Amino acid sequence: MIKLRNVTKIYEHRELPALKDVSLDVQDGEYISIMGQSGSGKSTLLKAILGEVEHKGNIIFTDEKDNLTKKIKIGYVPQKLNIEKHMPTTVFDMFASCISYIPVFMKKDKKIYKEIKEHLKIFGVDRLIDKSIGDLSGGELQRVLIAMATKPIPNLLILDEPVSGIDKNGIRDFYQILNRLKAEYDMSIILVSHDLELANQYADRVILLDKEVIKEGTPQEVFESLEFKNRFGEL
């Protein structure tokens, strides 16, 4: 589905590259967890895949027959959104503005309202459709964001540390949702995370990044490697 070949990014104000010759493949229906210390290039790598930063090297998208394609459907869930408390915009308003050309201040389209509510139901947050974005808890907001990122269903879902600020039960629920999406839609997932336990439980493959790919393999292979222990210590 996605092939990265020697992807390198050097920011003008830095002497050292943010990414250096990163090469990896992302297969259909594969869940990859990217790990690394602060400043290791994780977010830059995601931005390169999303087309948000210029870089050297190639990022190639292919279809199910391995034919080159210009683009694929990508959903994205950021680490956080800067939302003011008690912001009046509702979940419906924000969602509708992303999937419809109808301005949110106009009368609600019943068909779109029903469509959004049905999609929110998949993630157990359909009851929040009329609630203000600023009044949502961290877990509720992340569920709404993942619902938005998967409408329409993407080929690839990218998540940048999406569970910061969510309690332990909410985090486990979030990962279970990801696992269900992967199973039901054969969706590929790239997730930046520091949660070793959940990566070990759900990820097919772990990429250890430090400007370049230091180690990759199954969670067990990476977590038991010398490269991982040198950076994070013994588990």
C-alpha atoms as a PDB file:
ATOM      1  CA  MET A   1       0.000   0.000   0.000  1.00  0.00           C
ATOM      2  CA  ILE A   2       2.664   2.521   1.029  1.00  0.00           C
ATOM      3  CA  LYS A   3       6.370   2.358   0.338  1.00  0.00           C
ATOM      4  CA  LEU A   4       8.807   4.837   1.879  1.00  0.00           C
ATOM      5  CA  ARG A   5      12.212   4.922   0.273  1.00  0.00           C
ATOM      6  CA  ASN A   6      15.097   6.929   1.757  1.00  0.00           C
ATOM      7  CA  VAL A   7      12.833   9.641   3.134  1.00  0.00           C
ATOM      8  CA  THR A   8      14.991  12.458   4.500  1.00  0.00           C
ATOM      9  CA  LYS A   9      13.967  15.792   5.979  1.00  0.00           C
ATOM     10  CA  ILE A  10      16.352  18.579   7.006  1.00  0.00           C
ATOM     11  CA  TYR A  11      14.850  21.736   8.474  1.00  0.00           C
ATOM     12  CA  GLU A  12      16.709  24.926   7.555  1.00  0.00           C
ATOM     13  CA  HIS A  13      17.278  25.994  11.179  1.00  0.00           C
ATOM     14  CA  ARG A  14      18.766  22.620  12.167  1.00  0.00           C
ATOM     15  CA  GLU A  15      22.161  21.143  11.391  1.00  0.00           C
ATOM     16  CA  LEU A  16      21.061  17.525  11.821  1.00  0.00           C
ATOM     17  CA  PRO A  17      18.254  15.901   9.788  1.00  0.00           C
ATOM     18  CA  ALA A  18      14.841  15.338  11.370  1.00  0.00           C
ATOM     19  CA  LEU A  19      14.637  12.167   9.260  1.00  0.00           C
ATOM     20  CA  LYS A  20      17.467  10.280   7.583  1.00  0.00           C
ATOM     21  CA  ASP A  21      16.972   7.662   4.866  1.00  0.00           C
ATOM     22  CA  VAL A  22      13.789   6.196   6.346  1.00  0.00           C
ATOM     23  CA  SER A  23      12.582   3.212   4.332  1.00  0.00           C
ATOM     24  CA  LEU A  24       9.652   1.003   5.256  1.00  0.00           C
ATOM     25  CA  ASP A  25       6.540  -0.635   3.802  1.00  0.00           C
ATOM     26  CA  VAL A  26       3.013  -0.457   5.191  1.00  0.00           C
ATOM     27  CA  GLN A  27       0.854  -3.390   4.136  1.00  0.00           C
ATOM     28  CA  ASP A  28      -2.923  -3.631   3.747  1.00  0.00           C
ATOM     29  CA  GLY A  29      -4.613  -4.109   7.107  1.00  0.00           C
ATOM     30  CA  GLU A  30      -1.376  -3.737   9.079  1.00  0.00           C
ATOM     31  CA  TYR A  31      -1.170  -1.939  12.418  1.00  0.00           C
ATOM     32  CA  ILE A  32       2.204  -0.273  12.935  1.00  0.00           C
ATOM     33  CA  SER A  33       3.241   1.420  16.164  1.00  0.00           C
ATOM     34  CA  ILE A  34       6.014   4.006  15.805  1.00  0.00           C
ATOM     35  CA  MET A  35       8.103   4.584  18.917  1.00  0.00           C
ATOM     36  CA  GLY A  36      11.022   6.809  19.741  1.00  0.00           C
ATOM     37  CA  GLN A  37      12.230   9.395  22.187  1.00  0.00           C
ATOM     38  CA  SER A  38      11.293  13.064  21.960  1.00  0.00           C
ATOM     39  CA  GLY A  39      12.831  14.621  18.849  1.00  0.00           C
ATOM     40  CA  SER A  40      13.312  11.291  17.081  1.00  0.00           C
ATOM     41  CA  GLY A  41      11.299  12.410  14.032  1.00  0.00           C
ATOM     42  CA  LYS A  42       8.000  10.620  14.676  1.00  0.00           C
ATOM     43  CA  SER A  43       5.685  13.565  13.947  1.00  0.00           C
ATOM     44  CA  THR A  44       7.828  14.650  10.983  1.00  0.00           C
ATOM     45  CA  LEU A  45       7.449  11.184   9.489  1.00  0.00           C
ATOM     46  CA  LEU A  46       3.669  11.374   9.801  1.00  0.00           C
ATOM     47  CA  LYS A  47       3.644  14.835   8.203  1.00  0.00           C
ATOM     48  CA  ALA A  48       5.742  13.525   5.303  1.00  0.00           C
ATOM     49  CA  ILE A  49       3.227  10.727   4.660  1.00  0.00           C
ATOM     50  CA  LEU A  50       0.378  13.247   4.874  1.00  0.00           C
ATOM     51  CA  GLY A  51       2.167  15.483   2.354  1.00  0.00           C
ATOM     52  CA  GLU A  52       2.514  18.353   4.825  1.00  0.00           C
ATOM     53  CA  VAL A  53       6.317  18.702   4.667  1.00  0.00           C
ATOM     54  CA  GLU A  54       8.692  18.644   1.727  1.00  0.00           C
ATOM     55  CA  HIS A  55      11.310  15.910   1.873  1.00  0.00           C
ATOM     56  CA  LYS A  56      13.873  14.004  -0.108  1.00  0.00           C
ATOM     57  CA  GLY A  57      13.237  10.400  -1.089  1.00  0.00           C
ATOM     58  CA  ASN A  58       9.998   8.832  -2.269  1.00  0.00           C
ATOM     59  CA  ILE A  59       6.668   7.944  -0.731  1.00  0.00           C
ATOM     60  CA  ILE A  60       4.808   5.642  -3.107  1.00  0.00           C
ATOM     61  CA  PHE A  61       1.151   4.634  -2.877  1.00  0.00           C
ATOM     62  CA  THR A  62      -0.055   1.444  -4.549  1.00  0.00           C
ATOM     63  CA  ASP A  63      -3.462  -0.184  -4.973  1.00  0.00           C
ATOM     64  CA  GLU A  64      -4.484  -3.743  -4.088  1.00  0.00           C
ATOM     65  CA  LYS A  65      -2.870  -4.987  -7.327  1.00  0.00           C
ATOM     66  CA  ASP A  66       0.409  -3.207  -6.488  1.00  0.00           C
ATOM     67  CA  ASN A  67      -0.169  -0.664  -9.252  1.00  0.00           C
ATOM     68  CA  LEU A  68       1.008   2.884  -8.582  1.00  0.00           C
ATOM     69  CA  THR A  69      -1.708   5.334  -7.611  1.00  0.00           C
ATOM     70  CA  LYS A  70      -1.439   9.085  -7.047  1.00  0.00           C
ATOM     71  CA  LYS A  71      -3.147   9.072  -3.699  1.00  0.00           C
ATOM     72  CA  ILE A  72      -5.111   6.983  -1.240  1.00  0.00           C
ATOM     73  CA  LYS A  73      -7.731   7.905   1.344  1.00  0.00           C
ATOM     74  CA  ILE A  74      -5.968   8.878   4.563  1.00  0.00           C
ATOM     75  CA  GLY A  75      -7.656   9.659   7.880  1.00  0.00           C
ATOM     76  CA  TYR A  76      -5.744  11.619  10.519  1.00  0.00           C
ATOM     77  CA  VAL A  77      -6.232  12.028  14.269  1.00  0.00           C
ATOM     78  CA  PRO A  78      -3.914  14.682  15.796  1.00  0.00           C
ATOM     79  CA  GLN A  79      -2.326  14.559  19.224  1.00  0.00           C
ATOM     80  CA  LYS A  80      -4.612  17.345  20.424  1.00  0.00           C
ATOM     81  CA  LEU A  81      -6.841  20.179  19.274  1.00  0.00           C
ATOM     82  CA  ASN A  82      -6.687  23.636  20.776  1.00  0.00           C
ATOM     83  CA  ILE A  83     -10.332  24.016  21.751  1.00  0.00           C
ATOM     84  CA  GLU A  84     -11.598  26.607  24.197  1.00  0.00           C
ATOM     85  CA  LYS A  85     -13.701  25.373  27.081  1.00  0.00           C
ATOM     86  CA  HIS A  86     -17.442  25.762  26.444  1.00  0.00           C
ATOM     87  CA  MET A  87     -16.836  26.443  22.743  1.00  0.00           C
ATOM     88  CA  PRO A  88     -20.404  26.644  21.301  1.00  0.00           C
ATOM     89  CA  THR A  89     -19.708  24.678  18.106  1.00  0.00           C
ATOM     90  CA  THR A  90     -21.437  21.309  18.371  1.00  0.00           C
ATOM     91  CA  VAL A  91     -20.157  17.898  17.307  1.00  0.00           C
ATOM     92  CA  PHE A  92     -22.646  17.986  14.437  1.00  0.00           C
ATOM     93  CA  ASP A  93     -21.447  21.434  13.319  1.00  0.00           C
ATOM     94  CA  MET A  94     -17.800  20.373  13.207  1.00  0.00           C
ATOM     95  CA  PHE A  95     -18.510  17.009  11.592  1.00  0.00           C
ATOM     96  CA  ALA A  96     -20.922  18.439   8.992  1.00  0.00           C
ATOM     97  CA  SER A  97     -18.445  21.155   7.992  1.00  0.00           C
ATOM     98  CA  CYS A  98     -15.960  18.405   7.081  1.00  0.00           C
ATOM     99  CA  ILE A  99     -18.256  16.234   4.964  1.00  0.00           C
ATOM    100  CA  SER A 100     -20.711  18.764   3.536  1.00  0.00           C
ATOM    101  CA  TYR A 101     -20.537  22.014   1.596  1.00  0.00           C
ATOM    102  CA  ILE A 102     -23.526  23.372   3.489  1.00  0.00           C
ATOM    103  CA  PRO A 103     -22.481  26.146   5.929  1.00  0.00           C
ATOM    104  CA  VAL A 104     -22.959  25.048   9.534  1.00  0.00           C
ATOM    105  CA  PHE A 105     -24.949  28.185  10.408  1.00  0.00           C
ATOM    106  CA  MET A 106     -27.729  27.183   8.018  1.00  0.00           C
ATOM    107  CA  LYS A 107     -30.615  24.881   8.894  1.00  0.00           C
ATOM    108  CA  LYS A 108     -29.578  21.303   9.693  1.00  0.00           C
ATOM    109  CA  ASP A 109     -29.901  18.872   6.812  1.00  0.00           C
ATOM    110  CA  LYS A 110     -31.865  15.914   8.234  1.00  0.00           C
ATOM    111  CA  LYS A 111     -30.183  13.436   5.901  1.00  0.00           C
ATOM    112  CA  ILE A 112     -26.668  14.566   6.872  1.00  0.00           C
ATOM    113  CA  TYR A 113     -27.648  14.675  10.555  1.00  0.00           C
ATOM    114  CA  LYS A 114     -28.855  11.056  10.407  1.00  0.00           C
ATOM    115  CA  GLU A 115     -25.753   9.984   8.460  1.00  0.00           C
ATOM    116  CA  ILE A 116     -23.415  11.567  11.012  1.00  0.00           C
ATOM    117  CA  LYS A 117     -25.320  10.144  13.968  1.00  0.00           C
ATOM    118  CA  GLU A 118     -25.174   6.634  12.495  1.00  0.00           C
ATOM    119  CA  HIS A 119     -21.413   6.937  12.019  1.00  0.00           C
ATOM    120  CA  LEU A 120     -20.890   8.301  15.531  1.00  0.00           C
ATOM    121  CA  LYS A 121     -22.848   5.299  16.815  1.00  0.00           C
ATOM    122  CA  ILE A 122     -20.067   2.982  15.611  1.00  0.00           C
ATOM    123  CA  PHE A 123     -17.821   4.636  18.193  1.00  0.00           C
ATOM    124  CA  GLY A 124     -20.421   4.857  20.945  1.00  0.00           C
ATOM    125  CA  VAL A 125     -20.722   8.651  20.863  1.00  0.00           C
ATOM    126  CA  ASP A 126     -23.930   9.252  18.899  1.00  0.00           C
ATOM    127  CA  ARG A 127     -25.448  10.769  22.047  1.00  0.00           C
ATOM    128  CA  LEU A 128     -22.905  13.615  21.764  1.00  0.00           C
ATOM    129  CA  ILE A 129     -24.034  14.864  18.363  1.00  0.00           C
ATOM    130  CA  ASP A 130     -25.657  18.031  19.762  1.00  0.00           C
ATOM    131  CA  LYS A 131     -23.111  18.606  22.526  1.00  0.00           C
ATOM    132  CA  SER A 132     -20.643  21.513  22.352  1.00  0.00           C
ATOM    133  CA  ILE A 133     -17.102  20.500  21.377  1.00  0.00           C
ATOM    134  CA  GLY A 134     -15.660  22.483  24.281  1.00  0.00           C
ATOM    135  CA  ASP A 135     -17.690  20.484  26.795  1.00  0.00           C
ATOM    136  CA  LEU A 136     -16.395  17.064  25.727  1.00  0.00           C
ATOM    137  CA  SER A 137     -14.043  15.047  27.897  1.00  0.00           C
ATOM    138  CA  GLY A 138     -10.678  13.969  26.463  1.00  0.00           C
ATOM    139  CA  GLY A 139     -11.966  10.482  25.702  1.00  0.00           C
ATOM    140  CA  GLU A 140     -15.183  11.765  24.115  1.00  0.00           C
ATOM    141  CA  LEU A 141     -13.281  14.200  21.891  1.00  0.00           C
ATOM    142  CA  GLN A 142     -10.875  11.514  20.694  1.00  0.00           C
ATOM    143  CA  ARG A 143     -13.765   9.216  19.785  1.00  0.00           C
ATOM    144  CA  VAL A 144     -15.396  12.038  17.827  1.00  0.00           C
ATOM    145  CA  LEU A 145     -12.109  12.783  16.051  1.00  0.00           C
ATOM    146  CA  ILE A 146     -11.581   9.157  15.066  1.00  0.00           C
ATOM    147  CA  ALA A 147     -15.175   9.038  13.817  1.00  0.00           C
ATOM    148  CA  MET A 148     -14.474  12.103  11.643  1.00  0.00           C
ATOM    149  CA  ALA A 149     -11.189  10.623  10.415  1.00  0.00           C
ATOM    150  CA  THR A 150     -12.983   7.473   9.239  1.00  0.00           C
ATOM    151  CA  LYS A 151     -15.767   9.166   7.279  1.00  0.00           C
ATOM    152  CA  PRO A 152     -15.440   8.056   4.545  1.00  0.00           C
ATOM    153  CA  ILE A 153     -13.559   4.879   5.512  1.00  0.00           C
ATOM    154  CA  PRO A 154      -9.877   5.513   4.677  1.00  0.00           C
ATOM    155  CA  ASN A 155      -7.265   3.094   3.391  1.00  0.00           C
ATOM    156  CA  LEU A 156      -4.858   4.370   6.018  1.00  0.00           C
ATOM    157  CA  LEU A 157      -5.526   5.842   9.454  1.00  0.00           C
ATOM    158  CA  ILE A 158      -2.724   7.931  11.010  1.00  0.00           C
ATOM    159  CA  LEU A 159      -2.774   8.808  14.706  1.00  0.00           C
ATOM    160  CA  ASP A 160      -0.226  11.003  16.500  1.00  0.00           C
ATOM    161  CA  GLU A 161      -0.232  10.111  20.214  1.00  0.00           C
ATOM    162  CA  PRO A 162      -4.046  10.267  20.247  1.00  0.00           C
ATOM    163  CA  VAL A 163      -4.662   9.157  23.839  1.00  0.00           C
ATOM    164  CA  SER A 164      -2.864  11.891  25.780  1.00  0.00           C
ATOM    165  CA  GLY A 165      -5.160  13.167  28.515  1.00  0.00           C
ATOM    166  CA  ILE A 166      -7.418  10.088  28.479  1.00  0.00           C
ATOM    167  CA  ASP A 167      -7.825   7.850  31.524  1.00  0.00           C
ATOM    168  CA  LYS A 168      -6.718   4.197  31.518  1.00  0.00           C
ATOM    169  CA  ASN A 169     -10.165   2.750  30.756  1.00  0.00           C
ATOM    170  CA  GLY A 170     -10.663   5.264  27.948  1.00  0.00           C
ATOM    171  CA  ILE A 171      -7.294   4.347  26.440  1.00  0.00           C
ATOM    172  CA  ARG A 172      -8.162   0.647  26.379  1.00  0.00           C
ATOM    173  CA  ASP A 173     -11.549   1.391  24.793  1.00  0.00           C
ATOM    174  CA  PHE A 174      -9.802   3.539  22.176  1.00  0.00           C
ATOM    175  CA  TYR A 175      -7.410   0.746  21.200  1.00  0.00           C
ATOM    176  CA  GLN A 176     -10.265  -1.734  20.998  1.00  0.00           C
ATOM    177  CA  ILE A 177     -12.019   0.589  18.545  1.00  0.00           C
ATOM    178  CA  LEU A 178      -8.859   0.691  16.420  1.00  0.00           C
ATOM    179  CA  ASN A 179      -8.619  -3.085  16.488  1.00  0.00           C
ATOM    180  CA  ARG A 180     -12.237  -3.388  15.342  1.00  0.00           C
ATOM    181  CA  LEU A 181     -11.698  -0.924  12.489  1.00  0.00           C
ATOM    182  CA  LYS A 182      -8.629  -2.830  11.356  1.00  0.00           C
ATOM    183  CA  ALA A 183     -10.512  -6.141  11.393  1.00  0.00           C
ATOM    184  CA  GLU A 184     -13.757  -4.954   9.790  1.00  0.00           C
ATOM    185  CA  TYR A 185     -12.351  -2.704   7.065  1.00  0.00           C
ATOM    186  CA  ASP A 186      -8.862  -4.154   6.449  1.00  0.00           C
ATOM    187  CA  MET A 187      -7.627  -0.679   7.327  1.00  0.00           C
ATOM    188  CA  SER A 188      -3.925   0.072   7.732  1.00  0.00           C
ATOM    189  CA  ILE A 189      -3.035   1.993  10.882  1.00  0.00           C
ATOM    190  CA  ILE A 190       0.088   3.977  11.773  1.00  0.00           C
ATOM    191  CA  LEU A 191       0.107   5.131  15.367  1.00  0.00           C
ATOM    192  CA  VAL A 192       2.702   7.058  17.339  1.00  0.00           C
ATOM    193  CA  SER A 193       2.564   5.886  20.947  1.00  0.00           C
ATOM    194  CA  HIS A 194       4.651   5.370  24.077  1.00  0.00           C
ATOM    195  CA  ASP A 195       2.335   2.751  25.550  1.00  0.00           C
ATOM    196  CA  LEU A 196       4.397  -0.440  25.469  1.00  0.00           C
ATOM    197  CA  GLU A 197       1.714  -2.684  26.951  1.00  0.00           C
ATOM    198  CA  LEU A 198      -0.948  -1.791  24.404  1.00  0.00           C
ATOM    199  CA  ALA A 199       1.513  -1.795  21.509  1.00  0.00           C
ATOM    200  CA  ASN A 200       2.523  -5.288  22.543  1.00  0.00           C
ATOM    201  CA  GLN A 201      -1.136  -6.331  22.648  1.00  0.00           C
ATOM    202  CA  TYR A 202      -2.405  -4.780  19.419  1.00  0.00           C
ATOM    203  CA  ALA A 203       0.425  -3.828  17.026  1.00  0.00           C
ATOM    204  CA  ASP A 204       1.482  -6.152  14.221  1.00  0.00           C
ATOM    205  CA  ARG A 205       4.816  -4.388  13.936  1.00  0.00           C
ATOM    206  CA  VAL A 206       6.810  -1.803  15.888  1.00  0.00           C
ATOM    207  CA  ILE A 207       9.143   0.724  14.271  1.00  0.00           C
ATOM    208  CA  LEU A 208      11.817   2.159  16.581  1.00  0.00           C
ATOM    209  CA  LEU A 209      12.768   5.551  15.180  1.00  0.00           C
ATOM    210  CA  ASP A 210      15.716   7.792  15.964  1.00  0.00           C
ATOM    211  CA  LYS A 211      15.908   9.994  12.860  1.00  0.00           C
ATOM    212  CA  GLU A 212      16.249   6.686  11.008  1.00  0.00           C
ATOM    213  CA  VAL A 213      14.767   3.230  11.480  1.00  0.00           C
ATOM    214  CA  ILE A 214      16.871   1.736  14.279  1.00  0.00           C
ATOM    215  CA  LYS A 215      14.895  -1.464  14.708  1.00  0.00           C
ATOM    216  CA  GLU A 216      11.685  -2.965  13.336  1.00  0.00           C
ATOM    217  CA  GLY A 217       9.833  -6.193  13.896  1.00  0.00           C
ATOM    218  CA  THR A 218       7.184  -7.699  16.111  1.00  0.00           C
ATOM    219  CA  PRO A 219       6.651  -5.925  19.455  1.00  0.00           C
ATOM    220  CA  GLN A 220       8.571  -8.695  21.229  1.00  0.00           C
ATOM    221  CA  GLU A 221      11.505  -8.489  18.802  1.00  0.00           C
ATOM    222  CA  VAL A 222      11.796  -4.716  19.201  1.00  0.00           C
ATOM    223  CA  PHE A 223      11.228  -4.545  22.974  1.00  0.00           C
ATOM    224  CA  GLU A 224      13.867  -7.233  23.604  1.00  0.00           C
ATOM    225  CA  SER A 225      16.417  -5.648  21.269  1.00  0.00           C
ATOM    226  CA  LEU A 226      19.607  -3.922  22.398  1.00  0.00           C
ATOM    227  CA  GLU A 227      18.608  -0.854  20.370  1.00  0.00           C
ATOM    228  CA  PHE A 228      15.401  -0.488  22.393  1.00  0.00           C
ATOM    229  CA  LYS A 229      17.088  -1.116  25.765  1.00  0.00           C
ATOM    230  CA  ASN A 230      19.769   1.478  25.013  1.00  0.00           C
ATOM    231  CA  ARG A 231      17.048   4.113  24.605  1.00  0.00           C
ATOM    232  CA  PHE A 232      14.332   3.058  27.056  1.00  0.00           C
ATOM    233  CA  GLY A 233      16.072   0.661  29.440  1.00  0.00           C
ATOM    234  CA  GLU A 234      14.876  -2.753  30.552  1.00  0.00           C
ATOM    235  CA  LEU A 235      11.118  -3.394  30.578  1.00  0.00           C
END
